[in-house]
Amino acid sequence: MLELLRHQIRCPGLPLAVYREVAAHLRQVPGVDVGLVSQTAASFDYHQSQVGGLWIQYADASDALSRERVNQILAYYQNRYGAWEAETSQEMP
């Protein structure tokens, strides 16, 4: 049975366009799937992002090289926009 590991991360204040750019970049890594998380704030705030974050899902078959590449991509954006915050991590059947 194929197990998937999903992480959810966010970078407060990161613009929607940059989230989309990060997601597109991460989708190029073999064994990795990515999506945007909806914003859950009760009211609109110009200083907050329009999305709640990213989810990153690794297939069981993804190798260490794929995970290292994801870390490199996230580090690149972190150096420019600020630290990523881990929201959740879960295994999915």
PDB file of N, CA and C in Angstrom:
ATOM      1  N   MET A   1       0.849  -1.188   0.000  1.00  0.00           N
ATOM      2  CA  MET A   1       0.000   0.000   0.000  1.00  0.00           C
ATOM      3  C   MET A   1       0.887   1.241   0.000  1.00  0.00           C
ATOM      4  N   LEU A   2       0.550   2.188  -0.799  1.00  0.00           N
ATOM      5  CA  LEU A   2       1.308   3.421  -0.923  1.00  0.00           C
ATOM      6  C   LEU A   2       0.895   4.397   0.176  1.00  0.00           C
ATOM      7  N   GLU A   3       1.851   4.808   0.994  1.00  0.00           N
ATOM      8  CA  GLU A   3       1.600   5.797   2.038  1.00  0.00           C
ATOM      9  C   GLU A   3       2.105   7.151   1.565  1.00  0.00           C
ATOM     10  N   LEU A   4       1.400   8.188   1.898  1.00  0.00           N
ATOM     11  CA  LEU A   4       1.802   9.537   1.536  1.00  0.00           C
ATOM     12  C   LEU A   4       2.045  10.339   2.802  1.00  0.00           C
ATOM     13  N   LEU A   5       3.023  11.207   2.760  1.00  0.00           N
ATOM     14  CA  LEU A   5       3.300  12.084   3.877  1.00  0.00           C
ATOM     15  C   LEU A   5       3.026  13.509   3.423  1.00  0.00           C
ATOM     16  N   ARG A   6       2.142  14.199   4.135  1.00  0.00           N
ATOM     17  CA  ARG A   6       1.767  15.566   3.759  1.00  0.00           C
ATOM     18  C   ARG A   6       2.165  16.534   4.865  1.00  0.00           C
ATOM     19  N   HIS A   7       2.837  17.617   4.454  1.00  0.00           N
ATOM     20  CA  HIS A   7       3.220  18.697   5.355  1.00  0.00           C
ATOM     21  C   HIS A   7       2.477  19.949   4.924  1.00  0.00           C
ATOM     22  N   GLN A   8       2.160  20.786   5.887  1.00  0.00           N
ATOM     23  CA  GLN A   8       1.556  22.076   5.577  1.00  0.00           C
ATOM     24  C   GLN A   8       2.451  23.156   6.156  1.00  0.00           C
ATOM     25  N   ILE A   9       2.843  24.129   5.322  1.00  0.00           N
ATOM     26  CA  ILE A   9       3.714  25.210   5.752  1.00  0.00           C
ATOM     27  C   ILE A   9       3.127  26.544   5.322  1.00  0.00           C
ATOM     28  N   ARG A  10       3.618  27.608   5.974  1.00  0.00           N
ATOM     29  CA  ARG A  10       3.186  28.944   5.576  1.00  0.00           C
ATOM     30  C   ARG A  10       4.304  29.932   5.864  1.00  0.00           C
ATOM     31  N   CYS A  11       4.241  31.046   5.194  1.00  0.00           N
ATOM     32  CA  CYS A  11       5.162  32.160   5.409  1.00  0.00           C
ATOM     33  C   CYS A  11       4.283  33.404   5.525  1.00  0.00           C
ATOM     34  N   PRO A  12       4.088  33.901   6.746  1.00  0.00           N
ATOM     35  CA  PRO A  12       3.178  35.028   6.953  1.00  0.00           C
ATOM     36  C   PRO A  12       3.509  36.222   6.047  1.00  0.00           C
ATOM     37  N   GLY A  13       2.479  36.743   5.408  1.00  0.00           N
ATOM     38  CA  GLY A  13       2.643  37.918   4.557  1.00  0.00           C
ATOM     39  C   GLY A  13       3.148  37.629   3.157  1.00  0.00           C
ATOM     40  N   LEU A  14       3.429  36.377   2.848  1.00  0.00           N
ATOM     41  CA  LEU A  14       3.915  36.032   1.508  1.00  0.00           C
ATOM     42  C   LEU A  14       2.790  36.251   0.494  1.00  0.00           C
ATOM     43  N   PRO A  15       3.042  36.992  -0.570  1.00  0.00           N
ATOM     44  CA  PRO A  15       1.996  37.273  -1.560  1.00  0.00           C
ATOM     45  C   PRO A  15       1.537  36.011  -2.308  1.00  0.00           C
ATOM     46  N   LEU A  16       0.307  36.030  -2.749  1.00  0.00           N
ATOM     47  CA  LEU A  16      -0.273  34.922  -3.498  1.00  0.00           C
ATOM     48  C   LEU A  16       0.588  34.543  -4.702  1.00  0.00           C
ATOM     49  N   ALA A  17       1.086  35.521  -5.423  1.00  0.00           N
ATOM     50  CA  ALA A  17       1.900  35.245  -6.612  1.00  0.00           C
ATOM     51  C   ALA A  17       3.159  34.458  -6.258  1.00  0.00           C
ATOM     52  N   VAL A  18       3.752  34.754  -5.122  1.00  0.00           N
ATOM     53  CA  VAL A  18       4.965  34.035  -4.716  1.00  0.00           C
ATOM     54  C   VAL A  18       4.611  32.621  -4.275  1.00  0.00           C
ATOM     55  N   TYR A  19       3.496  32.448  -3.559  1.00  0.00           N
ATOM     56  CA  TYR A  19       3.037  31.097  -3.216  1.00  0.00           C
ATOM     57  C   TYR A  19       2.859  30.265  -4.488  1.00  0.00           C
ATOM     58  N   ARG A  20       2.252  30.854  -5.508  1.00  0.00           N
ATOM     59  CA  ARG A  20       2.047  30.139  -6.767  1.00  0.00           C
ATOM     60  C   ARG A  20       3.377  29.794  -7.422  1.00  0.00           C
ATOM     61  N   GLU A  21       4.332  30.712  -7.349  1.00  0.00           N
ATOM     62  CA  GLU A  21       5.662  30.466  -7.911  1.00  0.00           C
ATOM     63  C   GLU A  21       6.363  29.321  -7.176  1.00  0.00           C
ATOM     64  N   VAL A  22       6.291  29.318  -5.843  1.00  0.00           N
ATOM     65  CA  VAL A  22       6.900  28.252  -5.045  1.00  0.00           C
ATOM     66  C   VAL A  22       6.247  26.918  -5.399  1.00  0.00           C
ATOM     67  N   ALA A  23       4.919  26.899  -5.483  1.00  0.00           N
ATOM     68  CA  ALA A  23       4.202  25.665  -5.813  1.00  0.00           C
ATOM     69  C   ALA A  23       4.613  25.140  -7.186  1.00  0.00           C
ATOM     70  N   ALA A  24       4.711  26.023  -8.165  1.00  0.00           N
ATOM     71  CA  ALA A  24       5.123  25.602  -9.509  1.00  0.00           C
ATOM     72  C   ALA A  24       6.540  25.042  -9.496  1.00  0.00           C
ATOM     73  N   HIS A  25       7.391  25.665  -8.741  1.00  0.00           N
ATOM     74  CA  HIS A  25       8.777  25.221  -8.619  1.00  0.00           C
ATOM     75  C   HIS A  25       8.836  23.830  -7.978  1.00  0.00           C
ATOM     76  N   LEU A  26       8.076  23.635  -6.884  1.00  0.00           N
ATOM     77  CA  LEU A  26       8.085  22.353  -6.175  1.00  0.00           C
ATOM     78  C   LEU A  26       7.446  21.229  -6.989  1.00  0.00           C
ATOM     79  N   ARG A  27       6.474  21.550  -7.826  1.00  0.00           N
ATOM     80  CA  ARG A  27       5.811  20.513  -8.641  1.00  0.00           C
ATOM     81  C   ARG A  27       6.762  19.867  -9.639  1.00  0.00           C
ATOM     82  N   GLN A  28       7.890  20.497  -9.903  1.00  0.00           N
ATOM     83  CA  GLN A  28       8.866  19.948 -10.837  1.00  0.00           C
ATOM     84  C   GLN A  28       9.720  18.843 -10.201  1.00  0.00           C
ATOM     85  N   VAL A  29       9.630  18.686  -8.880  1.00  0.00           N
ATOM     86  CA  VAL A  29      10.422  17.678  -8.175  1.00  0.00           C
ATOM     87  C   VAL A  29       9.693  16.334  -8.235  1.00  0.00           C
ATOM     88  N   PRO A  30      10.371  15.265  -8.694  1.00  0.00           N
ATOM     89  CA  PRO A  30       9.733  13.945  -8.785  1.00  0.00           C
ATOM     90  C   PRO A  30       9.258  13.435  -7.417  1.00  0.00           C
ATOM     91  N   GLY A  31       8.043  12.871  -7.387  1.00  0.00           N
ATOM     92  CA  GLY A  31       7.489  12.297  -6.163  1.00  0.00           C
ATOM     93  C   GLY A  31       6.880  13.302  -5.210  1.00  0.00           C
ATOM     94  N   VAL A  32       6.705  14.549  -5.692  1.00  0.00           N
ATOM     95  CA  VAL A  32       6.190  15.616  -4.831  1.00  0.00           C
ATOM     96  C   VAL A  32       4.944  16.223  -5.470  1.00  0.00           C
ATOM     97  N   ASP A  33       3.912  16.425  -4.664  1.00  0.00           N
ATOM     98  CA  ASP A  33       2.709  17.114  -5.105  1.00  0.00           C
ATOM     99  C   ASP A  33       2.511  18.293  -4.162  1.00  0.00           C
ATOM    100  N   VAL A  34       1.975  19.382  -4.667  1.00  0.00           N
ATOM    101  CA  VAL A  34       1.857  20.629  -3.894  1.00  0.00           C
ATOM    102  C   VAL A  34       0.521  21.284  -4.197  1.00  0.00           C
ATOM    103  N   GLY A  35      -0.032  21.977  -3.218  1.00  0.00           N
ATOM    104  CA  GLY A  35      -1.251  22.747  -3.431  1.00  0.00           C
ATOM    105  C   GLY A  35      -1.317  23.917  -2.473  1.00  0.00           C
ATOM    106  N   LEU A  36      -2.198  24.848  -2.763  1.00  0.00           N
ATOM    107  CA  LEU A  36      -2.401  26.014  -1.913  1.00  0.00           C
ATOM    108  C   LEU A  36      -3.471  25.719  -0.869  1.00  0.00           C
ATOM    109  N   VAL A  37      -3.286  26.251   0.320  1.00  0.00           N
ATOM    110  CA  VAL A  37      -4.244  26.112   1.414  1.00  0.00           C
ATOM    111  C   VAL A  37      -5.061  27.393   1.477  1.00  0.00           C
ATOM    112  N   SER A  38      -6.356  27.278   1.608  1.00  0.00           N
ATOM    113  CA  SER A  38      -7.232  28.450   1.684  1.00  0.00           C
ATOM    114  C   SER A  38      -6.958  29.276   2.934  1.00  0.00           C
ATOM    115  N   GLN A  39      -7.126  30.570   2.800  1.00  0.00           N
ATOM    116  CA  GLN A  39      -6.990  31.488   3.932  1.00  0.00           C
ATOM    117  C   GLN A  39      -8.191  31.298   4.848  1.00  0.00           C
ATOM    118  N   THR A  40      -7.959  31.230   6.152  1.00  0.00           N
ATOM    119  CA  THR A  40      -9.045  30.993   7.101  1.00  0.00           C
ATOM    120  C   THR A  40      -9.302  32.188   8.017  1.00  0.00           C
ATOM    121  N   ALA A  41      -8.650  33.299   7.767  1.00  0.00           N
ATOM    122  CA  ALA A  41      -8.847  34.481   8.616  1.00  0.00           C
ATOM    123  C   ALA A  41     -10.298  34.951   8.552  1.00  0.00           C
ATOM    124  N   ALA A  42     -10.791  35.399   9.675  1.00  0.00           N
ATOM    125  CA  ALA A  42     -12.176  35.851   9.753  1.00  0.00           C
ATOM    126  C   ALA A  42     -12.399  37.166   9.010  1.00  0.00           C
ATOM    127  N   SER A  43     -11.360  38.003   8.945  1.00  0.00           N
ATOM    128  CA  SER A  43     -11.505  39.282   8.252  1.00  0.00           C
ATOM    129  C   SER A  43     -10.274  39.537   7.385  1.00  0.00           C
ATOM    130  N   PHE A  44     -10.456  40.346   6.347  1.00  0.00           N
ATOM    131  CA  PHE A  44      -9.373  40.640   5.423  1.00  0.00           C
ATOM    132  C   PHE A  44      -8.369  41.596   6.064  1.00  0.00           C
ATOM    133  N   ASP A  45      -7.080  41.306   5.866  1.00  0.00           N
ATOM    134  CA  ASP A  45      -6.002  42.158   6.383  1.00  0.00           C
ATOM    135  C   ASP A  45      -4.968  42.306   5.278  1.00  0.00           C
ATOM    136  N   TYR A  46      -4.686  43.540   4.881  1.00  0.00           N
ATOM    137  CA  TYR A  46      -3.739  43.789   3.797  1.00  0.00           C
ATOM    138  C   TYR A  46      -2.337  43.280   4.111  1.00  0.00           C
ATOM    139  N   HIS A  47      -2.026  43.099   5.382  1.00  0.00           N
ATOM    140  CA  HIS A  47      -0.699  42.650   5.781  1.00  0.00           C
ATOM    141  C   HIS A  47      -0.587  41.129   5.832  1.00  0.00           C
ATOM    142  N   GLN A  48      -1.669  40.439   5.581  1.00  0.00           N
ATOM    143  CA  GLN A  48      -1.667  38.981   5.556  1.00  0.00           C
ATOM    144  C   GLN A  48      -1.728  38.486   4.113  1.00  0.00           C
ATOM    145  N   SER A  49      -1.306  37.255   3.903  1.00  0.00           N
ATOM    146  CA  SER A  49      -1.362  36.670   2.579  1.00  0.00           C
ATOM    147  C   SER A  49      -2.808  36.353   2.197  1.00  0.00           C
ATOM    148  N   GLN A  50      -3.046  36.221   0.907  1.00  0.00           N
ATOM    149  CA  GLN A  50      -4.379  35.851   0.430  1.00  0.00           C
ATOM    150  C   GLN A  50      -4.630  34.358   0.540  1.00  0.00           C
ATOM    151  N   VAL A  51      -3.593  33.582   0.851  1.00  0.00           N
ATOM    152  CA  VAL A  51      -3.739  32.140   1.051  1.00  0.00           C
ATOM    153  C   VAL A  51      -3.177  31.769   2.420  1.00  0.00           C
ATOM    154  N   GLY A  52      -3.584  30.614   2.919  1.00  0.00           N
ATOM    155  CA  GLY A  52      -3.160  30.174   4.243  1.00  0.00           C
ATOM    156  C   GLY A  52      -1.825  29.457   4.263  1.00  0.00           C
ATOM    157  N   GLY A  53      -1.347  29.033   3.114  1.00  0.00           N
ATOM    158  CA  GLY A  53      -0.071  28.329   3.055  1.00  0.00           C
ATOM    159  C   GLY A  53      -0.021  27.341   1.906  1.00  0.00           C
ATOM    160  N   LEU A  54       0.912  26.417   2.007  1.00  0.00           N
ATOM    161  CA  LEU A  54       1.098  25.361   1.010  1.00  0.00           C
ATOM    162  C   LEU A  54       1.004  24.011   1.691  1.00  0.00           C
ATOM    163  N   TRP A  55       0.478  23.027   0.995  1.00  0.00           N
ATOM    164  CA  TRP A  55       0.652  21.656   1.458  1.00  0.00           C
ATOM    165  C   TRP A  55       1.608  20.983   0.481  1.00  0.00           C
ATOM    166  N   ILE A  56       2.486  20.187   1.033  1.00  0.00           N
ATOM    167  CA  ILE A  56       3.476  19.453   0.252  1.00  0.00           C
ATOM    168  C   ILE A  56       3.310  17.985   0.598  1.00  0.00           C
ATOM    169  N   GLN A  57       3.122  17.190  -0.414  1.00  0.00           N
ATOM    170  CA  GLN A  57       2.892  15.766  -0.209  1.00  0.00           C
ATOM    171  C   GLN A  57       3.975  14.962  -0.908  1.00  0.00           C
ATOM    172  N   TYR A  58       4.593  14.064  -0.154  1.00  0.00           N
ATOM    173  CA  TYR A  58       5.630  13.184  -0.694  1.00  0.00           C
ATOM    174  C   TYR A  58       5.064  11.790  -0.865  1.00  0.00           C
ATOM    175  N   ALA A  59       5.283  11.195  -2.017  1.00  0.00           N
ATOM    176  CA  ALA A  59       4.935   9.792  -2.213  1.00  0.00           C
ATOM    177  C   ALA A  59       5.963   8.957  -1.462  1.00  0.00           C
ATOM    178  N   ASP A  60       5.549   7.787  -1.001  1.00  0.00           N
ATOM    179  CA  ASP A  60       6.452   6.870  -0.315  1.00  0.00           C
ATOM    180  C   ASP A  60       7.686   6.595  -1.164  1.00  0.00           C
ATOM    181  N   ALA A  61       7.485   6.591  -2.459  1.00  0.00           N
ATOM    182  CA  ALA A  61       8.564   6.262  -3.385  1.00  0.00           C
ATOM    183  C   ALA A  61       9.534   7.425  -3.611  1.00  0.00           C
ATOM    184  N   SER A  62       9.223   8.603  -3.079  1.00  0.00           N
ATOM    185  CA  SER A  62      10.132   9.734  -3.283  1.00  0.00           C
ATOM    186  C   SER A  62      11.442   9.450  -2.554  1.00  0.00           C
ATOM    187  N   ASP A  63      12.532   9.818  -3.178  1.00  0.00           N
ATOM    188  CA  ASP A  63      13.836   9.511  -2.604  1.00  0.00           C
ATOM    189  C   ASP A  63      14.406  10.702  -1.841  1.00  0.00           C
ATOM    190  N   ALA A  64      15.544  10.466  -1.204  1.00  0.00           N
ATOM    191  CA  ALA A  64      16.190  11.504  -0.410  1.00  0.00           C
ATOM    192  C   ALA A  64      16.589  12.698  -1.272  1.00  0.00           C
ATOM    193  N   LEU A  65      16.925  12.444  -2.522  1.00  0.00           N
ATOM    194  CA  LEU A  65      17.310  13.528  -3.427  1.00  0.00           C
ATOM    195  C   LEU A  65      16.133  14.476  -3.674  1.00  0.00           C
ATOM    196  N   SER A  66      14.933  13.915  -3.838  1.00  0.00           N
ATOM    197  CA  SER A  66      13.738  14.742  -4.034  1.00  0.00           C
ATOM    198  C   SER A  66      13.461  15.598  -2.799  1.00  0.00           C
ATOM    199  N   ARG A  67      13.583  15.009  -1.632  1.00  0.00           N
ATOM    200  CA  ARG A  67      13.338  15.751  -0.392  1.00  0.00           C
ATOM    201  C   ARG A  67      14.386  16.840  -0.188  1.00  0.00           C
ATOM    202  N   GLU A  68      15.629  16.537  -0.542  1.00  0.00           N
ATOM    203  CA  GLU A  68      16.692  17.536  -0.442  1.00  0.00           C
ATOM    204  C   GLU A  68      16.426  18.693  -1.404  1.00  0.00           C
ATOM    205  N   ARG A  69      15.950  18.377  -2.595  1.00  0.00           N
ATOM    206  CA  ARG A  69      15.643  19.418  -3.583  1.00  0.00           C
ATOM    207  C   ARG A  69      14.524  20.331  -3.079  1.00  0.00           C
ATOM    208  N   VAL A  70      13.498  19.738  -2.456  1.00  0.00           N
ATOM    209  CA  VAL A  70      12.410  20.534  -1.869  1.00  0.00           C
ATOM    210  C   VAL A  70      12.978  21.467  -0.804  1.00  0.00           C
ATOM    211  N   ASN A  71      13.848  20.953   0.051  1.00  0.00           N
ATOM    212  CA  ASN A  71      14.453  21.782   1.099  1.00  0.00           C
ATOM    213  C   ASN A  71      15.266  22.921   0.507  1.00  0.00           C
ATOM    214  N   GLN A  72      15.965  22.670  -0.591  1.00  0.00           N
ATOM    215  CA  GLN A  72      16.743  23.713  -1.250  1.00  0.00           C
ATOM    216  C   GLN A  72      15.836  24.805  -1.816  1.00  0.00           C
ATOM    217  N   ILE A  73      14.755  24.402  -2.441  1.00  0.00           N
ATOM    218  CA  ILE A  73      13.805  25.369  -3.011  1.00  0.00           C
ATOM    219  C   ILE A  73      13.187  26.219  -1.901  1.00  0.00           C
ATOM    220  N   LEU A  74      12.752  25.566  -0.816  1.00  0.00           N
ATOM    221  CA  LEU A  74      12.154  26.309   0.294  1.00  0.00           C
ATOM    222  C   LEU A  74      13.171  27.248   0.938  1.00  0.00           C
ATOM    223  N   ALA A  75      14.419  26.834   1.035  1.00  0.00           N
ATOM    224  CA  ALA A  75      15.477  27.687   1.603  1.00  0.00           C
ATOM    225  C   ALA A  75      15.699  28.914   0.728  1.00  0.00           C
ATOM    226  N   TYR A  76      15.647  28.733  -0.580  1.00  0.00           N
ATOM    227  CA  TYR A  76      15.809  29.855  -1.510  1.00  0.00           C
ATOM    228  C   TYR A  76      14.757  30.937  -1.228  1.00  0.00           C
ATOM    229  N   TYR A  77      13.502  30.524  -1.126  1.00  0.00           N
ATOM    230  CA  TYR A  77      12.429  31.493  -0.878  1.00  0.00           C
ATOM    231  C   TYR A  77      12.477  32.041   0.541  1.00  0.00           C
ATOM    232  N   GLN A  78      12.890  31.229   1.494  1.00  0.00           N
ATOM    233  CA  GLN A  78      13.012  31.687   2.873  1.00  0.00           C
ATOM    234  C   GLN A  78      14.043  32.803   2.983  1.00  0.00           C
ATOM    235  N   ASN A  79      15.136  32.684   2.259  1.00  0.00           N
ATOM    236  CA  ASN A  79      16.170  33.723   2.281  1.00  0.00           C
ATOM    237  C   ASN A  79      15.666  35.049   1.735  1.00  0.00           C
ATOM    238  N   ARG A  80      14.663  35.024   0.895  1.00  0.00           N
ATOM    239  CA  ARG A  80      14.142  36.243   0.291  1.00  0.00           C
ATOM    240  C   ARG A  80      12.907  36.807   0.989  1.00  0.00           C
ATOM    241  N   TYR A  81      12.082  35.921   1.573  1.00  0.00           N
ATOM    242  CA  TYR A  81      10.790  36.377   2.085  1.00  0.00           C
ATOM    243  C   TYR A  81      10.546  36.124   3.568  1.00  0.00           C
ATOM    244  N   GLY A  82      11.393  35.367   4.219  1.00  0.00           N
ATOM    245  CA  GLY A  82      11.199  35.079   5.640  1.00  0.00           C
ATOM    246  C   GLY A  82      10.986  33.597   5.899  1.00  0.00           C
ATOM    247  N   ALA A  83      11.002  33.253   7.165  1.00  0.00           N
ATOM    248  CA  ALA A  83      10.970  31.850   7.588  1.00  0.00           C
ATOM    249  C   ALA A  83       9.627  31.180   7.300  1.00  0.00           C
ATOM    250  N   TRP A  84       9.708  29.909   6.935  1.00  0.00           N
ATOM    251  CA  TRP A  84       8.531  29.063   6.781  1.00  0.00           C
ATOM    252  C   TRP A  84       8.127  28.560   8.157  1.00  0.00           C
ATOM    253  N   GLU A  85       6.846  28.475   8.389  1.00  0.00           N
ATOM    254  CA  GLU A  85       6.323  27.912   9.626  1.00  0.00           C
ATOM    255  C   GLU A  85       5.592  26.621   9.306  1.00  0.00           C
ATOM    256  N   ALA A  86       5.917  25.559  10.029  1.00  0.00           N
ATOM    257  CA  ALA A  86       5.239  24.277   9.834  1.00  0.00           C
ATOM    258  C   ALA A  86       3.880  24.329  10.511  1.00  0.00           C
ATOM    259  N   GLU A  87       2.856  23.967   9.772  1.00  0.00           N
ATOM    260  CA  GLU A  87       1.498  23.958  10.322  1.00  0.00           C
ATOM    261  C   GLU A  87       1.132  22.554  10.800  1.00  0.00           C
ATOM    262  N   THR A  88       1.221  21.583   9.899  1.00  0.00           N
ATOM    263  CA  THR A  88       0.835  20.216  10.244  1.00  0.00           C
ATOM    264  C   THR A  88       1.680  19.225   9.460  1.00  0.00           C
ATOM    265  N   SER A  89       1.655  18.002   9.905  1.00  0.00           N
ATOM    266  CA  SER A  89       2.302  16.904   9.206  1.00  0.00           C
ATOM    267  C   SER A  89       1.455  15.671   9.480  1.00  0.00           C
ATOM    268  N   GLN A  90       1.100  14.950   8.433  1.00  0.00           N
ATOM    269  CA  GLN A  90       0.247  13.783   8.627  1.00  0.00           C
ATOM    270  C   GLN A  90       0.509  12.744   7.548  1.00  0.00           C
ATOM    271  N   GLU A  91       0.298  11.470   7.912  1.00  0.00           N
ATOM    272  CA  GLU A  91       0.373  10.395   6.943  1.00  0.00           C
ATOM    273  C   GLU A  91      -1.016  10.164   6.399  1.00  0.00           C
ATOM    274  N   MET A  92      -1.077   9.889   5.105  1.00  0.00           N
ATOM    275  CA  MET A  92      -2.354   9.668   4.445  1.00  0.00           C
ATOM    276  C   MET A  92      -2.326   8.333   3.732  1.00  0.00           C
ATOM    277  N   PRO A  93      -3.366   7.510   3.856  1.00  0.00           N
ATOM    278  CA  PRO A  93      -3.396   6.218   3.141  1.00  0.00           C
ATOM    279  C   PRO A  93      -3.606   6.404   1.656  1.00  0.00           C
TER     280      PRO A  93
END
